[in-house]
Amino acid sequence: MHKGESKEVTFIFTNTGTRDLLIEVVTACKCTDLLWTREPVPPGGSGAIQAVFHSETMELGPLEKIIDIIANTNPIVIEATFKANILPAK
């Protein structure tokens, strides 16, 4: 992607546990806007975490970003990652 562009990635997940999944908060760097399933996800149900990454302030080159998901899981914090390669602005 070129510096200054924004890209979206959506993580789809399935609750493989035996009780409702409750996501309390999802966090990432200031360069990433996040939306996630707010209602309880029953066992076998699916949800999503949408991340919109903004590259305006990033250095050129490859990078990896981490999204922390805090929920009623074990462990309590789960990580999702995405990668980008920042190219010079068009």
PDB file of N, CA and C in Angstrom:
ATOM      1  N   MET A   1       0.838  -1.169   0.000  1.00  0.00           N
ATOM      2  CA  MET A   1       0.000   0.000   0.000  1.00  0.00           C
ATOM      3  C   MET A   1       0.883   1.232   0.000  1.00  0.00           C
ATOM      4  N   HIS A   2       0.380   2.320  -0.524  1.00  0.00           N
ATOM      5  CA  HIS A   2       1.154   3.553  -0.587  1.00  0.00           C
ATOM      6  C   HIS A   2       0.905   4.408   0.650  1.00  0.00           C
ATOM      7  N   LYS A   3       1.956   5.077   1.101  1.00  0.00           N
ATOM      8  CA  LYS A   3       1.854   5.944   2.277  1.00  0.00           C
ATOM      9  C   LYS A   3       0.692   6.915   2.074  1.00  0.00           C
ATOM     10  N   GLY A   4      -0.146   7.033   3.097  1.00  0.00           N
ATOM     11  CA  GLY A   4      -1.324   7.890   3.025  1.00  0.00           C
ATOM     12  C   GLY A   4      -2.612   7.137   2.741  1.00  0.00           C
ATOM     13  N   GLU A   5      -2.504   5.905   2.274  1.00  0.00           N
ATOM     14  CA  GLU A   5      -3.695   5.108   1.996  1.00  0.00           C
ATOM     15  C   GLU A   5      -4.198   4.423   3.270  1.00  0.00           C
ATOM     16  N   SER A   6      -5.456   4.023   3.235  1.00  0.00           N
ATOM     17  CA  SER A   6      -6.060   3.237   4.318  1.00  0.00           C
ATOM     18  C   SER A   6      -6.512   1.899   3.737  1.00  0.00           C
ATOM     19  N   LYS A   7      -6.375   0.862   4.533  1.00  0.00           N
ATOM     20  CA  LYS A   7      -6.813  -0.475   4.131  1.00  0.00           C
ATOM     21  C   LYS A   7      -7.615  -1.099   5.256  1.00  0.00           C
ATOM     22  N   GLU A   8      -8.579  -1.915   4.873  1.00  0.00           N
ATOM     23  CA  GLU A   8      -9.435  -2.596   5.843  1.00  0.00           C
ATOM     24  C   GLU A   8      -9.155  -4.089   5.831  1.00  0.00           C
ATOM     25  N   VAL A   9      -9.153  -4.670   7.018  1.00  0.00           N
ATOM     26  CA  VAL A   9      -9.060  -6.118   7.164  1.00  0.00           C
ATOM     27  C   VAL A   9     -10.132  -6.531   8.168  1.00  0.00           C
ATOM     28  N   THR A  10     -10.814  -7.643   7.878  1.00  0.00           N
ATOM     29  CA  THR A  10     -11.851  -8.150   8.772  1.00  0.00           C
ATOM     30  C   THR A  10     -11.478  -9.558   9.209  1.00  0.00           C
ATOM     31  N   PHE A  11     -11.452  -9.753  10.515  1.00  0.00           N
ATOM     32  CA  PHE A  11     -11.195 -11.062  11.104  1.00  0.00           C
ATOM     33  C   PHE A  11     -12.546 -11.666  11.488  1.00  0.00           C
ATOM     34  N   ILE A  12     -12.908 -12.793  10.880  1.00  0.00           N
ATOM     35  CA  ILE A  12     -14.128 -13.521  11.216  1.00  0.00           C
ATOM     36  C   ILE A  12     -13.730 -14.641  12.173  1.00  0.00           C
ATOM     37  N   PHE A  13     -14.480 -14.799  13.260  1.00  0.00           N
ATOM     38  CA  PHE A  13     -14.155 -15.846  14.230  1.00  0.00           C
ATOM     39  C   PHE A  13     -15.402 -16.637  14.599  1.00  0.00           C
ATOM     40  N   THR A  14     -15.177 -17.843  15.106  1.00  0.00           N
ATOM     41  CA  THR A  14     -16.243 -18.714  15.590  1.00  0.00           C
ATOM     42  C   THR A  14     -15.970 -19.036  17.052  1.00  0.00           C
ATOM     43  N   ASN A  15     -16.986 -18.944  17.877  1.00  0.00           N
ATOM     44  CA  ASN A  15     -16.863 -19.307  19.286  1.00  0.00           C
ATOM     45  C   ASN A  15     -16.846 -20.828  19.389  1.00  0.00           C
ATOM     46  N   THR A  16     -15.674 -21.382  19.690  1.00  0.00           N
ATOM     47  CA  THR A  16     -15.539 -22.834  19.823  1.00  0.00           C
ATOM     48  C   THR A  16     -15.656 -23.276  21.277  1.00  0.00           C
ATOM     49  N   GLY A  17     -15.989 -22.330  22.161  1.00  0.00           N
ATOM     50  CA  GLY A  17     -16.129 -22.644  23.580  1.00  0.00           C
ATOM     51  C   GLY A  17     -17.501 -23.204  23.912  1.00  0.00           C
ATOM     52  N   THR A  18     -17.731 -23.357  25.199  1.00  0.00           N
ATOM     53  CA  THR A  18     -18.993 -23.942  25.681  1.00  0.00           C
ATOM     54  C   THR A  18     -19.908 -22.909  26.330  1.00  0.00           C
ATOM     55  N   ARG A  19     -19.477 -21.643  26.344  1.00  0.00           N
ATOM     56  CA  ARG A  19     -20.324 -20.578  26.888  1.00  0.00           C
ATOM     57  C   ARG A  19     -20.209 -19.350  25.993  1.00  0.00           C
ATOM     58  N   ASP A  20     -21.107 -18.390  26.202  1.00  0.00           N
ATOM     59  CA  ASP A  20     -21.095 -17.184  25.383  1.00  0.00           C
ATOM     60  C   ASP A  20     -19.734 -16.496  25.449  1.00  0.00           C
ATOM     61  N   LEU A  21     -19.273 -16.023  24.299  1.00  0.00           N
ATOM     62  CA  LEU A  21     -18.042 -15.242  24.214  1.00  0.00           C
ATOM     63  C   LEU A  21     -18.412 -13.772  24.371  1.00  0.00           C
ATOM     64  N   LEU A  22     -17.770 -13.101  25.307  1.00  0.00           N
ATOM     65  CA  LEU A  22     -18.020 -11.683  25.557  1.00  0.00           C
ATOM     66  C   LEU A  22     -16.721 -10.916  25.332  1.00  0.00           C
ATOM     67  N   ILE A  23     -16.666 -10.143  24.260  1.00  0.00           N
ATOM     68  CA  ILE A  23     -15.483  -9.325  23.988  1.00  0.00           C
ATOM     69  C   ILE A  23     -15.660  -8.005  24.723  1.00  0.00           C
ATOM     70  N   GLU A  24     -14.758  -7.729  25.649  1.00  0.00           N
ATOM     71  CA  GLU A  24     -14.839  -6.511  26.443  1.00  0.00           C
ATOM     72  C   GLU A  24     -14.279  -5.315  25.700  1.00  0.00           C
ATOM     73  N   VAL A  25     -13.099  -5.476  25.124  1.00  0.00           N
ATOM     74  CA  VAL A  25     -12.463  -4.368  24.416  1.00  0.00           C
ATOM     75  C   VAL A  25     -11.482  -4.926  23.387  1.00  0.00           C
ATOM     76  N   VAL A  26     -11.307  -4.175  22.312  1.00  0.00           N
ATOM     77  CA  VAL A  26     -10.327  -4.498  21.281  1.00  0.00           C
ATOM     78  C   VAL A  26      -9.472  -3.245  21.105  1.00  0.00           C
ATOM     79  N   THR A  27      -8.145  -3.403  21.171  1.00  0.00           N
ATOM     80  CA  THR A  27      -7.257  -2.246  21.089  1.00  0.00           C
ATOM     81  C   THR A  27      -6.155  -2.471  20.054  1.00  0.00           C
ATOM     82  N   ALA A  28      -5.645  -1.366  19.558  1.00  0.00           N
ATOM     83  CA  ALA A  28      -4.510  -1.373  18.629  1.00  0.00           C
ATOM     84  C   ALA A  28      -3.893   0.019  18.678  1.00  0.00           C
ATOM     85  N   CYS A  29      -2.922   0.253  17.812  1.00  0.00           N
ATOM     86  CA  CYS A  29      -2.270   1.563  17.779  1.00  0.00           C
ATOM     87  C   CYS A  29      -3.256   2.636  17.295  1.00  0.00           C
ATOM     88  N   LYS A  30      -2.861   3.903  17.482  1.00  0.00           N
ATOM     89  CA  LYS A  30      -3.708   5.026  17.056  1.00  0.00           C
ATOM     90  C   LYS A  30      -3.963   5.024  15.556  1.00  0.00           C
ATOM     91  N   CYS A  31      -3.160   4.314  14.797  1.00  0.00           N
ATOM     92  CA  CYS A  31      -3.285   4.286  13.342  1.00  0.00           C
ATOM     93  C   CYS A  31      -4.364   3.310  12.861  1.00  0.00           C
ATOM     94  N   THR A  32      -5.049   2.649  13.782  1.00  0.00           N
ATOM     95  CA  THR A  32      -6.024   1.631  13.415  1.00  0.00           C
ATOM     96  C   THR A  32      -7.361   1.889  14.102  1.00  0.00           C
ATOM     97  N   ASP A  33      -8.419   2.024  13.288  1.00  0.00           N
ATOM     98  CA  ASP A  33      -9.782   2.142  13.807  1.00  0.00           C
ATOM     99  C   ASP A  33     -10.372   0.736  13.906  1.00  0.00           C
ATOM    100  N   LEU A  34     -11.112   0.479  14.979  1.00  0.00           N
ATOM    101  CA  LEU A  34     -11.620  -0.870  15.224  1.00  0.00           C
ATOM    102  C   LEU A  34     -13.122  -0.880  15.468  1.00  0.00           C
ATOM    103  N   LEU A  35     -13.792  -1.872  14.905  1.00  0.00           N
ATOM    104  CA  LEU A  35     -15.195  -2.194  15.191  1.00  0.00           C
ATOM    105  C   LEU A  35     -15.247  -3.688  15.455  1.00  0.00           C
ATOM    106  N   TRP A  36     -16.075  -4.108  16.412  1.00  0.00           N
ATOM    107  CA  TRP A  36     -16.154  -5.539  16.704  1.00  0.00           C
ATOM    108  C   TRP A  36     -17.553  -5.899  17.177  1.00  0.00           C
ATOM    109  N   THR A  37     -17.832  -7.191  17.143  1.00  0.00           N
ATOM    110  CA  THR A  37     -19.111  -7.724  17.599  1.00  0.00           C
ATOM    111  C   THR A  37     -19.258  -7.410  19.080  1.00  0.00           C
ATOM    112  N   ARG A  38     -20.289  -6.649  19.424  1.00  0.00           N
ATOM    113  CA  ARG A  38     -20.486  -6.219  20.812  1.00  0.00           C
ATOM    114  C   ARG A  38     -21.411  -7.148  21.593  1.00  0.00           C
ATOM    115  N   GLU A  39     -22.297  -7.836  20.908  1.00  0.00           N
ATOM    116  CA  GLU A  39     -23.232  -8.724  21.601  1.00  0.00           C
ATOM    117  C   GLU A  39     -22.564 -10.066  21.890  1.00  0.00           C
ATOM    118  N   PRO A  40     -23.057 -10.796  22.897  1.00  0.00           N
ATOM    119  CA  PRO A  40     -22.482 -12.112  23.206  1.00  0.00           C
ATOM    120  C   PRO A  40     -22.559 -13.035  21.990  1.00  0.00           C
ATOM    121  N   VAL A  41     -21.499 -13.804  21.774  1.00  0.00           N
ATOM    122  CA  VAL A  41     -21.465 -14.771  20.678  1.00  0.00           C
ATOM    123  C   VAL A  41     -21.655 -16.151  21.299  1.00  0.00           C
ATOM    124  N   PRO A  42     -22.779 -16.813  20.994  1.00  0.00           N
ATOM    125  CA  PRO A  42     -23.034 -18.125  21.612  1.00  0.00           C
ATOM    126  C   PRO A  42     -22.085 -19.192  21.072  1.00  0.00           C
ATOM    127  N   PRO A  43     -21.945 -20.317  21.790  1.00  0.00           N
ATOM    128  CA  PRO A  43     -21.117 -21.418  21.286  1.00  0.00           C
ATOM    129  C   PRO A  43     -21.550 -21.795  19.871  1.00  0.00           C
ATOM    130  N   GLY A  44     -20.574 -21.901  18.978  1.00  0.00           N
ATOM    131  CA  GLY A  44     -20.852 -22.217  17.577  1.00  0.00           C
ATOM    132  C   GLY A  44     -21.182 -20.998  16.733  1.00  0.00           C
ATOM    133  N   GLY A  45     -21.423 -19.851  17.375  1.00  0.00           N
ATOM    134  CA  GLY A  45     -21.752 -18.629  16.655  1.00  0.00           C
ATOM    135  C   GLY A  45     -20.505 -17.929  16.149  1.00  0.00           C
ATOM    136  N   SER A  46     -20.714 -16.975  15.262  1.00  0.00           N
ATOM    137  CA  SER A  46     -19.602 -16.244  14.657  1.00  0.00           C
ATOM    138  C   SER A  46     -19.720 -14.752  14.935  1.00  0.00           C
ATOM    139  N   GLY A  47     -18.600 -14.076  14.860  1.00  0.00           N
ATOM    140  CA  GLY A  47     -18.529 -12.632  15.007  1.00  0.00           C
ATOM    141  C   GLY A  47     -17.406 -12.103  14.142  1.00  0.00           C
ATOM    142  N   ALA A  48     -17.150 -10.795  14.251  1.00  0.00           N
ATOM    143  CA  ALA A  48     -16.123 -10.187  13.411  1.00  0.00           C
ATOM    144  C   ALA A  48     -15.434  -9.041  14.138  1.00  0.00           C
ATOM    145  N   ILE A  49     -14.195  -8.826  13.766  1.00  0.00           N
ATOM    146  CA  ILE A  49     -13.430  -7.656  14.187  1.00  0.00           C
ATOM    147  C   ILE A  49     -12.946  -6.996  12.905  1.00  0.00           C
ATOM    148  N   GLN A  50     -13.338  -5.741  12.728  1.00  0.00           N
ATOM    149  CA  GLN A  50     -12.949  -4.982  11.539  1.00  0.00           C
ATOM    150  C   GLN A  50     -11.890  -3.962  11.942  1.00  0.00           C
ATOM    151  N   ALA A  51     -10.789  -3.948  11.206  1.00  0.00           N
ATOM    152  CA  ALA A  51      -9.711  -3.001  11.459  1.00  0.00           C
ATOM    153  C   ALA A  51      -9.474  -2.182  10.195  1.00  0.00           C
ATOM    154  N   VAL A  52      -9.418  -0.851  10.354  1.00  0.00           N
ATOM    155  CA  VAL A  52      -9.075   0.029   9.243  1.00  0.00           C
ATOM    156  C   VAL A  52      -7.748   0.685   9.610  1.00  0.00           C
ATOM    157  N   PHE A  53      -6.720   0.348   8.850  1.00  0.00           N
ATOM    158  CA  PHE A  53      -5.359   0.814   9.094  1.00  0.00           C
ATOM    159  C   PHE A  53      -5.083   2.046   8.239  1.00  0.00           C
ATOM    160  N   HIS A  54      -4.567   3.088   8.871  1.00  0.00           N
ATOM    161  CA  HIS A  54      -4.230   4.348   8.199  1.00  0.00           C
ATOM    162  C   HIS A  54      -2.713   4.492   8.191  1.00  0.00           C
ATOM    163  N   SER A  55      -2.136   4.668   7.007  1.00  0.00           N
ATOM    164  CA  SER A  55      -0.674   4.613   6.869  1.00  0.00           C
ATOM    165  C   SER A  55       0.015   5.980   6.856  1.00  0.00           C
ATOM    166  N   GLU A  56      -0.705   7.062   7.085  1.00  0.00           N
ATOM    167  CA  GLU A  56      -0.134   8.406   6.944  1.00  0.00           C
ATOM    168  C   GLU A  56       1.143   8.615   7.757  1.00  0.00           C
ATOM    169  N   THR A  57       1.203   8.095   8.968  1.00  0.00           N
ATOM    170  CA  THR A  57       2.329   8.371   9.869  1.00  0.00           C
ATOM    171  C   THR A  57       3.364   7.246   9.906  1.00  0.00           C
ATOM    172  N   MET A  58       3.208   6.237   9.064  1.00  0.00           N
ATOM    173  CA  MET A  58       4.087   5.073   9.100  1.00  0.00           C
ATOM    174  C   MET A  58       5.369   5.303   8.299  1.00  0.00           C
ATOM    175  N   GLU A  59       6.442   4.664   8.761  1.00  0.00           N
ATOM    176  CA  GLU A  59       7.693   4.642   8.013  1.00  0.00           C
ATOM    177  C   GLU A  59       7.523   3.732   6.795  1.00  0.00           C
ATOM    178  N   LEU A  60       8.317   3.949   5.770  1.00  0.00           N
ATOM    179  CA  LEU A  60       8.275   3.091   4.591  1.00  0.00           C
ATOM    180  C   LEU A  60       8.831   1.714   4.931  1.00  0.00           C
ATOM    181  N   GLY A  61       8.294   0.705   4.255  1.00  0.00           N
ATOM    182  CA  GLY A  61       8.774  -0.651   4.438  1.00  0.00           C
ATOM    183  C   GLY A  61       7.734  -1.556   5.065  1.00  0.00           C
ATOM    184  N   PRO A  62       8.116  -2.824   5.304  1.00  0.00           N
ATOM    185  CA  PRO A  62       7.183  -3.795   5.873  1.00  0.00           C
ATOM    186  C   PRO A  62       6.957  -3.546   7.367  1.00  0.00           C
ATOM    187  N   LEU A  63       5.754  -3.869   7.817  1.00  0.00           N
ATOM    188  CA  LEU A  63       5.442  -3.759   9.240  1.00  0.00           C
ATOM    189  C   LEU A  63       4.393  -4.786   9.613  1.00  0.00           C
ATOM    190  N   GLU A  64       4.309  -5.052  10.900  1.00  0.00           N
ATOM    191  CA  GLU A  64       3.289  -5.942  11.440  1.00  0.00           C
ATOM    192  C   GLU A  64       2.611  -5.213  12.586  1.00  0.00           C
ATOM    193  N   LYS A  65       1.282  -5.226  12.596  1.00  0.00           N
ATOM    194  CA  LYS A  65       0.513  -4.574  13.648  1.00  0.00           C
ATOM    195  C   LYS A  65      -0.235  -5.631  14.458  1.00  0.00           C
ATOM    196  N   ILE A  66      -0.340  -5.380  15.750  1.00  0.00           N
ATOM    197  CA  ILE A  66      -1.004  -6.313  16.667  1.00  0.00           C
ATOM    198  C   ILE A  66      -2.295  -5.690  17.161  1.00  0.00           C
ATOM    199  N   ILE A  67      -3.339  -6.495  17.165  1.00  0.00           N
ATOM    200  CA  ILE A  67      -4.625  -6.120  17.741  1.00  0.00           C
ATOM    201  C   ILE A  67      -4.811  -6.984  18.976  1.00  0.00           C
ATOM    202  N   ASP A  68      -5.055  -6.353  20.130  1.00  0.00           N
ATOM    203  CA  ASP A  68      -5.306  -7.089  21.368  1.00  0.00           C
ATOM    204  C   ASP A  68      -6.810  -7.196  21.583  1.00  0.00           C
ATOM    205  N   ILE A  69      -7.275  -8.412  21.844  1.00  0.00           N
ATOM    206  CA  ILE A  69      -8.684  -8.696  22.079  1.00  0.00           C
ATOM    207  C   ILE A  69      -8.812  -9.172  23.517  1.00  0.00           C
ATOM    208  N   ILE A  70      -9.548  -8.412  24.317  1.00  0.00           N
ATOM    209  CA  ILE A  70      -9.747  -8.755  25.728  1.00  0.00           C
ATOM    210  C   ILE A  70     -11.163  -9.295  25.872  1.00  0.00           C
ATOM    211  N   ALA A  71     -11.257 -10.539  26.338  1.00  0.00           N
ATOM    212  CA  ALA A  71     -12.556 -11.219  26.400  1.00  0.00           C
ATOM    213  C   ALA A  71     -12.567 -12.213  27.557  1.00  0.00           C
ATOM    214  N   ASN A  72     -13.696 -12.882  27.718  1.00  0.00           N
ATOM    215  CA  ASN A  72     -13.813 -13.907  28.757  1.00  0.00           C
ATOM    216  C   ASN A  72     -13.248 -15.233  28.246  1.00  0.00           C
ATOM    217  N   THR A  73     -11.981 -15.181  27.838  1.00  0.00           N
ATOM    218  CA  THR A  73     -11.288 -16.340  27.289  1.00  0.00           C
ATOM    219  C   THR A  73     -10.122 -16.705  28.197  1.00  0.00           C
ATOM    220  N   ASN A  74      -9.481 -17.816  27.896  1.00  0.00           N
ATOM    221  CA  ASN A  74      -8.290 -18.221  28.620  1.00  0.00           C
ATOM    222  C   ASN A  74      -7.209 -18.508  27.588  1.00  0.00           C
ATOM    223  N   PRO A  75      -6.210 -17.634  27.435  1.00  0.00           N
ATOM    224  CA  PRO A  75      -5.918 -16.450  28.240  1.00  0.00           C
ATOM    225  C   PRO A  75      -6.903 -15.311  27.961  1.00  0.00           C
ATOM    226  N   ILE A  76      -6.899 -14.335  28.841  1.00  0.00           N
ATOM    227  CA  ILE A  76      -7.850 -13.229  28.768  1.00  0.00           C
ATOM    228  C   ILE A  76      -7.577 -12.298  27.593  1.00  0.00           C
ATOM    229  N   VAL A  77      -6.307 -12.236  27.138  1.00  0.00           N
ATOM    230  CA  VAL A  77      -5.932 -11.399  25.992  1.00  0.00           C
ATOM    231  C   VAL A  77      -5.488 -12.306  24.850  1.00  0.00           C
ATOM    232  N   ILE A  78      -6.121 -12.122  23.710  1.00  0.00           N
ATOM    233  CA  ILE A  78      -5.779 -12.845  22.489  1.00  0.00           C
ATOM    234  C   ILE A  78      -5.268 -11.809  21.488  1.00  0.00           C
ATOM    235  N   GLU A  79      -4.296 -12.179  20.679  1.00  0.00           N
ATOM    236  CA  GLU A  79      -3.751 -11.265  19.679  1.00  0.00           C
ATOM    237  C   GLU A  79      -4.144 -11.706  18.273  1.00  0.00           C
ATOM    238  N   ALA A  80      -4.435 -10.708  17.451  1.00  0.00           N
ATOM    239  CA  ALA A  80      -4.585 -10.902  16.012  1.00  0.00           C
ATOM    240  C   ALA A  80      -3.569  -9.971  15.366  1.00  0.00           C
ATOM    241  N   THR A  81      -3.019 -10.363  14.242  1.00  0.00           N
ATOM    242  CA  THR A  81      -2.009  -9.524  13.582  1.00  0.00           C
ATOM    243  C   THR A  81      -2.345  -9.356  12.108  1.00  0.00           C
ATOM    244  N   PHE A  82      -1.838  -8.272  11.557  1.00  0.00           N
ATOM    245  CA  PHE A  82      -1.879  -8.085  10.122  1.00  0.00           C
ATOM    246  C   PHE A  82      -0.577  -7.429   9.690  1.00  0.00           C
ATOM    247  N   LYS A  83      -0.242  -7.627   8.429  1.00  0.00           N
ATOM    248  CA  LYS A  83       1.006  -7.086   7.889  1.00  0.00           C
ATOM    249  C   LYS A  83       0.682  -6.115   6.751  1.00  0.00           C
ATOM    250  N   ALA A  84       1.575  -5.147   6.587  1.00  0.00           N
ATOM    251  CA  ALA A  84       1.474  -4.187   5.481  1.00  0.00           C
ATOM    252  C   ALA A  84       2.878  -3.865   5.013  1.00  0.00           C
ATOM    253  N   ASN A  85       2.973  -3.423   3.779  1.00  0.00           N
ATOM    254  CA  ASN A  85       4.235  -2.933   3.245  1.00  0.00           C
ATOM    255  C   ASN A  85       3.970  -1.524   2.731  1.00  0.00           C
ATOM    256  N   ILE A  86       4.564  -0.527   3.377  1.00  0.00           N
ATOM    257  CA  ILE A  86       4.303   0.857   3.047  1.00  0.00           C
ATOM    258  C   ILE A  86       5.273   1.299   1.955  1.00  0.00           C
ATOM    259  N   LEU A  87       4.697   1.724   0.841  1.00  0.00           N
ATOM    260  CA  LEU A  87       5.468   2.206  -0.305  1.00  0.00           C
ATOM    261  C   LEU A  87       5.400   3.736  -0.354  1.00  0.00           C
ATOM    262  N   PRO A  88       6.294   4.379  -1.094  1.00  0.00           N
ATOM    263  CA  PRO A  88       6.219   5.842  -1.203  1.00  0.00           C
ATOM    264  C   PRO A  88       4.852   6.282  -1.723  1.00  0.00           C
ATOM    265  N   ALA A  89       4.423   7.464  -1.293  1.00  0.00           N
ATOM    266  CA  ALA A  89       3.136   8.011  -1.727  1.00  0.00           C
ATOM    267  C   ALA A  89       3.119   8.148  -3.244  1.00  0.00           C
ATOM    268  N   LYS A  90       1.934   7.993  -3.812  1.00  0.00           N
ATOM    269  CA  LYS A  90       1.776   8.127  -5.268  1.00  0.00           C
ATOM    270  C   LYS A  90       1.944   9.561  -5.681  1.00  0.00           C
TER     271      LYS A  90
END
